[in-house]
C-alpha cells in the first residue's frame, strides 16, 4: 500500500520525503527510542505512516492545512488501521495549539515558515528531544543558488538559507546536517 501512496504523490505532484531520507529518519527513530512525534506538514500522511510503523508504541500528531491533502491523509491512515496512533489535525500549524511534549518534532512544511515553526513548537519538545527539518538542500539549489531560475525558487532558496543561518547561530540548540534525501537538520538543546 505504501507504493500506491508513493505513486499517488508522484502523479499528483505532492512532495513526500525521498526514500533514503525517510529510511534514515525511521532508523533514527528506532535508534533513539522515539515514542511521541509531532509532525508539521502531513501532506497525504506518508511520513506519519512510515514513522508510526517503526514500532507499535509510537504515536504521531501531525498537522496539515490543505483540506484535500488532509482528507487523503485521513483516508491513508485509516487504510493502515493507525487511527489510534496517528492524530491528524486539519489547520495551519502557525494557528494550531498542541499540548504535550514530544521526543521528536519533524518540520516538513512551508519552507518560508521554518524559523516560525521551530520557535513556536520548541516549547513542546521534551528536554532531550530532537527537532528534525527536511528539505534543506531544495534539490541542490541552496548549495548552488545560480541554479534557481524562477522568482519562487529564488525566494525559497533565500528562506532556507536564512533558516540554516538561524540554526547555525542558535544559542539554545546545536544542529548537525545529514546529506540524505533532500538534506536534513537534526537539532538538540544545548546543556551545560
C-alpha atoms as a PDB file:
ATOM      1  CA  UNK A   1       0.000   0.000   0.000  1.00  0.00           C
ATOM      2  CA  UNK A   2       2.916   2.371   0.635  1.00  0.00           C
ATOM      3  CA  UNK A   3       3.930   2.009  -3.003  1.00  0.00           C
ATOM      4  CA  UNK A   4       0.444   3.173  -4.003  1.00  0.00           C
ATOM      5  CA  UNK A   5       0.809   6.259  -1.794  1.00  0.00           C
ATOM      6  CA  UNK A   6       4.229   6.966  -3.317  1.00  0.00           C
ATOM      7  CA  UNK A   7       2.743   6.649  -6.810  1.00  0.00           C
ATOM      8  CA  UNK A   8      -0.218   8.886  -5.900  1.00  0.00           C
ATOM      9  CA  UNK A   9       2.212  11.523  -4.603  1.00  0.00           C
ATOM     10  CA  UNK A  10       4.267  11.328  -7.790  1.00  0.00           C
ATOM     11  CA  UNK A  11       1.284  11.553 -10.145  1.00  0.00           C
ATOM     12  CA  UNK A  12      -0.315  14.395  -8.174  1.00  0.00           C
ATOM     13  CA  UNK A  13       2.966  16.258  -7.561  1.00  0.00           C
ATOM     14  CA  UNK A  14       2.648  16.071  -3.807  1.00  0.00           C
ATOM     15  CA  UNK A  15       6.037  16.386  -2.114  1.00  0.00           C
ATOM     16  CA  UNK A  16       6.888  13.467   0.152  1.00  0.00           C
ATOM     17  CA  UNK A  17      10.251  12.569   1.665  1.00  0.00           C
ATOM     18  CA  UNK A  18      12.789  10.929  -0.601  1.00  0.00           C
ATOM     19  CA  UNK A  19      13.304   7.212   0.079  1.00  0.00           C
ATOM     20  CA  UNK A  20      16.776   7.451   1.631  1.00  0.00           C
ATOM     21  CA  UNK A  21      15.630  10.411   3.751  1.00  0.00           C
ATOM     22  CA  UNK A  22      12.595   8.609   5.201  1.00  0.00           C
ATOM     23  CA  UNK A  23      14.641   5.439   5.752  1.00  0.00           C
ATOM     24  CA  UNK A  24      17.251   7.459   7.664  1.00  0.00           C
ATOM     25  CA  UNK A  25      14.506   9.147   9.720  1.00  0.00           C
ATOM     26  CA  UNK A  26      12.895   5.796  10.604  1.00  0.00           C
ATOM     27  CA  UNK A  27      16.280   4.364  11.631  1.00  0.00           C
ATOM     28  CA  UNK A  28      16.907   7.482  13.748  1.00  0.00           C
ATOM     29  CA  UNK A  29      13.536   6.969  15.478  1.00  0.00           C
ATOM     30  CA  UNK A  30      14.418   3.342  16.191  1.00  0.00           C
ATOM     31  CA  UNK A  31      17.960   4.058  17.457  1.00  0.00           C
ATOM     32  CA  UNK A  32      16.895   6.951  19.704  1.00  0.00           C
ATOM     33  CA  UNK A  33      13.826   5.200  21.165  1.00  0.00           C
ATOM     34  CA  UNK A  34      11.476   7.934  19.929  1.00  0.00           C
ATOM     35  CA  UNK A  35       7.880   7.307  21.029  1.00  0.00           C
ATOM     36  CA  UNK A  36       5.979  10.574  20.660  1.00  0.00           C
ATOM     37  CA  UNK A  37       6.283  12.596  17.440  1.00  0.00           C
ATOM     38  CA  UNK A  38       4.873  15.938  16.305  1.00  0.00           C
ATOM     39  CA  UNK A  39       4.957  16.463  12.551  1.00  0.00           C
ATOM     40  CA  UNK A  40       4.442  19.864  10.968  1.00  0.00           C
ATOM     41  CA  UNK A  41       3.145  19.189   7.449  1.00  0.00           C
ATOM     42  CA  UNK A  42       1.304  15.909   6.917  1.00  0.00           C
ATOM     43  CA  UNK A  43       0.700  16.163   3.174  1.00  0.00           C
ATOM     44  CA  UNK A  44      -1.033  12.817   2.438  1.00  0.00           C
ATOM     45  CA  UNK A  45       0.231  11.071   5.582  1.00  0.00           C
ATOM     46  CA  UNK A  46       3.191   9.217   4.044  1.00  0.00           C
ATOM     47  CA  UNK A  47       5.883  10.127   6.560  1.00  0.00           C
ATOM     48  CA  UNK A  48       3.487   9.827   9.520  1.00  0.00           C
ATOM     49  CA  UNK A  49       2.644   6.289   8.385  1.00  0.00           C
ATOM     50  CA  UNK A  50       6.306   5.404   7.947  1.00  0.00           C
ATOM     51  CA  UNK A  51       7.257   6.830  11.360  1.00  0.00           C
ATOM     52  CA  UNK A  52       4.347   5.154  13.176  1.00  0.00           C
ATOM     53  CA  UNK A  53       5.245   1.852  11.523  1.00  0.00           C
ATOM     54  CA  UNK A  54       8.719   1.763  13.100  1.00  0.00           C
ATOM     55  CA  UNK A  55       7.281   0.315  16.351  1.00  0.00           C
ATOM     56  CA  UNK A  56       3.847  -0.363  17.832  1.00  0.00           C
ATOM     57  CA  UNK A  57       4.365   2.074  20.741  1.00  0.00           C
ATOM     58  CA  UNK A  58       4.927   5.176  18.581  1.00  0.00           C
ATOM     59  CA  UNK A  59       2.297   7.916  18.489  1.00  0.00           C
ATOM     60  CA  UNK A  60       2.289  10.685  15.884  1.00  0.00           C
ATOM     61  CA  UNK A  61       0.454  14.000  15.983  1.00  0.00           C
ATOM     62  CA  UNK A  62       0.543  15.650  12.573  1.00  0.00           C
ATOM     63  CA  UNK A  63      -0.785  18.952  11.216  1.00  0.00           C
ATOM     64  CA  UNK A  64      -1.917  19.690   7.646  1.00  0.00           C
ATOM     65  CA  UNK A  65      -3.522  22.898   6.375  1.00  0.00           C
ATOM     66  CA  UNK A  66      -4.500  21.809   2.847  1.00  0.00           C
ATOM     67  CA  UNK A  67      -8.006  20.309   3.056  1.00  0.00           C
ATOM     68  CA  UNK A  68      -7.626  17.946   0.097  1.00  0.00           C
ATOM     69  CA  UNK A  69      -4.306  16.569   1.365  1.00  0.00           C
ATOM     70  CA  UNK A  70      -5.713  16.323   4.897  1.00  0.00           C
ATOM     71  CA  UNK A  71      -8.652  14.219   3.668  1.00  0.00           C
ATOM     72  CA  UNK A  72      -6.311  11.946   1.689  1.00  0.00           C
ATOM     73  CA  UNK A  73      -4.079  11.571   4.756  1.00  0.00           C
ATOM     74  CA  UNK A  74      -7.091  10.614   6.910  1.00  0.00           C
ATOM     75  CA  UNK A  75      -8.033   8.017   4.285  1.00  0.00           C
ATOM     76  CA  UNK A  76      -4.472   6.617   4.169  1.00  0.00           C
ATOM     77  CA  UNK A  77      -4.152   6.476   7.955  1.00  0.00           C
ATOM     78  CA  UNK A  78      -7.465   4.594   8.120  1.00  0.00           C
ATOM     79  CA  UNK A  79      -6.319   2.136   5.425  1.00  0.00           C
ATOM     80  CA  UNK A  80      -3.315   1.265   7.599  1.00  0.00           C
ATOM     81  CA  UNK A  81      -5.522   0.942  10.719  1.00  0.00           C
ATOM     82  CA  UNK A  82      -3.401   3.536  12.503  1.00  0.00           C
ATOM     83  CA  UNK A  83      -6.227   5.909  13.556  1.00  0.00           C
ATOM     84  CA  UNK A  84      -5.449   5.126  17.207  1.00  0.00           C
ATOM     85  CA  UNK A  85      -1.748   6.069  16.878  1.00  0.00           C
ATOM     86  CA  UNK A  86      -1.779   8.908  14.335  1.00  0.00           C
ATOM     87  CA  UNK A  87      -3.731  12.006  15.312  1.00  0.00           C
ATOM     88  CA  UNK A  88      -4.072  14.308  12.309  1.00  0.00           C
ATOM     89  CA  UNK A  89      -5.116  17.916  12.810  1.00  0.00           C
ATOM     90  CA  UNK A  90      -6.566  19.985   9.984  1.00  0.00           C
ATOM     91  CA  UNK A  91      -5.319  23.531  10.352  1.00  0.00           C
ATOM     92  CA  UNK A  92      -2.488  25.979   9.836  1.00  0.00           C
ATOM     93  CA  UNK A  93       0.446  24.996  12.058  1.00  0.00           C
ATOM     94  CA  UNK A  94       1.015  28.660  12.922  1.00  0.00           C
ATOM     95  CA  UNK A  95      -2.511  28.888  14.367  1.00  0.00           C
ATOM     96  CA  UNK A  96      -2.733  25.415  15.895  1.00  0.00           C
ATOM     97  CA  UNK A  97      -2.197  24.865  19.612  1.00  0.00           C
ATOM     98  CA  UNK A  98      -0.714  21.497  20.517  1.00  0.00           C
ATOM     99  CA  UNK A  99      -0.425  20.342  24.122  1.00  0.00           C
ATOM    100  CA  UNK A 100       2.121  17.932  25.475  1.00  0.00           C
ATOM    101  CA  UNK A 101       5.777  17.104  24.994  1.00  0.00           C
ATOM    102  CA  UNK A 102       7.346  15.231  22.104  1.00  0.00           C
ATOM    103  CA  UNK A 103      10.572  13.248  21.698  1.00  0.00           C
ATOM    104  CA  UNK A 104      10.755  14.406  18.098  1.00  0.00           C
ATOM    105  CA  UNK A 105       9.364  17.395  16.240  1.00  0.00           C
ATOM    106  CA  UNK A 106       9.588  16.903  12.486  1.00  0.00           C
ATOM    107  CA  UNK A 107       9.303  20.053  10.362  1.00  0.00           C
ATOM    108  CA  UNK A 108       8.380  19.338   6.755  1.00  0.00           C
ATOM    109  CA  UNK A 109       6.032  22.131   5.712  1.00  0.00           C
ATOM    110  CA  UNK A 110       6.213  25.591   4.127  1.00  0.00           C
ATOM    111  CA  UNK A 111       9.945  26.371   3.921  1.00  0.00           C
ATOM    112  CA  UNK A 112       9.277  30.067   4.448  1.00  0.00           C
ATOM    113  CA  UNK A 113       7.991  29.356   7.965  1.00  0.00           C
ATOM    114  CA  UNK A 114      10.709  27.002   9.253  1.00  0.00           C
ATOM    115  CA  UNK A 115      12.020  29.572  11.757  1.00  0.00           C
ATOM    116  CA  UNK A 116       8.468  30.336  12.936  1.00  0.00           C
ATOM    117  CA  UNK A 117       7.640  26.624  13.316  1.00  0.00           C
ATOM    118  CA  UNK A 118      10.899  25.978  15.173  1.00  0.00           C
ATOM    119  CA  UNK A 119      10.351  28.855  17.605  1.00  0.00           C
ATOM    120  CA  UNK A 120       6.661  28.101  18.138  1.00  0.00           C
ATOM    121  CA  UNK A 121       6.948  24.373  18.780  1.00  0.00           C
ATOM    122  CA  UNK A 122      10.273  24.135  20.650  1.00  0.00           C
ATOM    123  CA  UNK A 123       8.228  24.549  23.859  1.00  0.00           C
ATOM    124  CA  UNK A 124       6.613  21.189  23.020  1.00  0.00           C
ATOM    125  CA  UNK A 125       9.978  19.464  22.779  1.00  0.00           C
ATOM    126  CA  UNK A 126      10.909  17.030  25.519  1.00  0.00           C
ATOM    127  CA  UNK A 127      14.066  18.020  27.398  1.00  0.00           C
ATOM    128  CA  UNK A 128      16.205  15.516  25.484  1.00  0.00           C
ATOM    129  CA  UNK A 129      14.196  15.579  22.271  1.00  0.00           C
ATOM    130  CA  UNK A 130      15.128  16.434  18.699  1.00  0.00           C
ATOM    131  CA  UNK A 131      13.845  18.823  16.058  1.00  0.00           C
ATOM    132  CA  UNK A 132      14.422  17.459  12.569  1.00  0.00           C
ATOM    133  CA  UNK A 133      13.873  19.603   9.493  1.00  0.00           C
ATOM    134  CA  UNK A 134      13.679  18.262   5.935  1.00  0.00           C
ATOM    135  CA  UNK A 135      14.468  19.829   2.528  1.00  0.00           C
ATOM    136  CA  UNK A 136      17.475  21.960   3.435  1.00  0.00           C
ATOM    137  CA  UNK A 137      19.080  21.398   0.042  1.00  0.00           C
ATOM    138  CA  UNK A 138      15.958  22.126  -2.040  1.00  0.00           C
ATOM    139  CA  UNK A 139      17.181  19.809  -4.792  1.00  0.00           C
ATOM    140  CA  UNK A 140      20.694  21.287  -4.740  1.00  0.00           C
ATOM    141  CA  UNK A 141      19.562  24.891  -5.227  1.00  0.00           C
ATOM    142  CA  UNK A 142      20.628  26.003  -1.732  1.00  0.00           C
ATOM    143  CA  UNK A 143      24.204  24.846  -2.377  1.00  0.00           C
ATOM    144  CA  UNK A 144      24.209  26.450  -5.830  1.00  0.00           C
ATOM    145  CA  UNK A 145      21.726  29.362  -5.899  1.00  0.00           C
ATOM    146  CA  UNK A 146      22.640  30.130  -9.520  1.00  0.00           C
ATOM    147  CA  UNK A 147      20.526  27.083 -10.475  1.00  0.00           C
ATOM    148  CA  UNK A 148      17.406  28.786  -9.102  1.00  0.00           C
ATOM    149  CA  UNK A 149      15.746  30.381 -12.119  1.00  0.00           C
ATOM    150  CA  UNK A 150      12.227  31.345 -11.098  1.00  0.00           C
ATOM    151  CA  UNK A 151      11.328  34.055  -8.600  1.00  0.00           C
ATOM    152  CA  UNK A 152       9.642  31.400  -6.443  1.00  0.00           C
ATOM    153  CA  UNK A 153      12.747  29.180  -6.412  1.00  0.00           C
ATOM    154  CA  UNK A 154      14.992  32.122  -5.522  1.00  0.00           C
ATOM    155  CA  UNK A 155      12.643  33.081  -2.683  1.00  0.00           C
ATOM    156  CA  UNK A 156      12.595  29.555  -1.253  1.00  0.00           C
ATOM    157  CA  UNK A 157      16.395  29.270  -1.524  1.00  0.00           C
ATOM    158  CA  UNK A 158      16.759  32.582   0.353  1.00  0.00           C
ATOM    159  CA  UNK A 159      14.349  31.442   3.089  1.00  0.00           C
ATOM    160  CA  UNK A 160      16.088  28.074   3.534  1.00  0.00           C
ATOM    161  CA  UNK A 161      19.484  29.814   3.661  1.00  0.00           C
ATOM    162  CA  UNK A 162      18.103  32.145   6.348  1.00  0.00           C
ATOM    163  CA  UNK A 163      16.860  29.113   8.291  1.00  0.00           C
ATOM    164  CA  UNK A 164      20.274  27.421   8.088  1.00  0.00           C
ATOM    165  CA  UNK A 165      21.879  30.648   9.381  1.00  0.00           C
ATOM    166  CA  UNK A 166      19.266  30.693  12.183  1.00  0.00           C
ATOM    167  CA  UNK A 167      20.224  27.119  13.154  1.00  0.00           C
ATOM    168  CA  UNK A 168      23.965  27.779  12.896  1.00  0.00           C
ATOM    169  CA  UNK A 169      23.734  30.834  15.170  1.00  0.00           C
ATOM    170  CA  UNK A 170      21.173  29.425  17.604  1.00  0.00           C
ATOM    171  CA  UNK A 171      22.345  29.827  21.192  1.00  0.00           C
ATOM    172  CA  UNK A 172      19.837  27.319  22.547  1.00  0.00           C
ATOM    173  CA  UNK A 173      20.279  24.410  20.097  1.00  0.00           C
ATOM    174  CA  UNK A 174      23.138  22.540  18.436  1.00  0.00           C
ATOM    175  CA  UNK A 175      22.451  21.333  14.895  1.00  0.00           C
ATOM    176  CA  UNK A 176      24.063  18.746  12.679  1.00  0.00           C
ATOM    177  CA  UNK A 177      23.274  18.302   8.997  1.00  0.00           C
ATOM    178  CA  UNK A 178      22.876  14.963   7.273  1.00  0.00           C
ATOM    179  CA  UNK A 179      23.067  14.739   3.487  1.00  0.00           C
ATOM    180  CA  UNK A 180      20.336  12.151   2.974  1.00  0.00           C
ATOM    181  CA  UNK A 181      17.226  12.709   0.908  1.00  0.00           C
ATOM    182  CA  UNK A 182      16.974  16.439   0.335  1.00  0.00           C
ATOM    183  CA  UNK A 183      19.286  17.098   3.339  1.00  0.00           C
ATOM    184  CA  UNK A 184      18.019  17.204   6.897  1.00  0.00           C
ATOM    185  CA  UNK A 185      18.967  19.098  10.038  1.00  0.00           C
ATOM    186  CA  UNK A 186      18.952  17.462  13.463  1.00  0.00           C
ATOM    187  CA  UNK A 187      18.728  20.000  16.299  1.00  0.00           C
ATOM    188  CA  UNK A 188      19.051  19.294  20.007  1.00  0.00           C
ATOM    189  CA  UNK A 189      19.093  21.599  23.029  1.00  0.00           C
ATOM    190  CA  UNK A 190      22.494  22.565  24.408  1.00  0.00           C
ATOM    191  CA  UNK A 191      23.197  21.675  28.006  1.00  0.00           C
ATOM    192  CA  UNK A 192      25.983  22.940  30.228  1.00  0.00           C
END
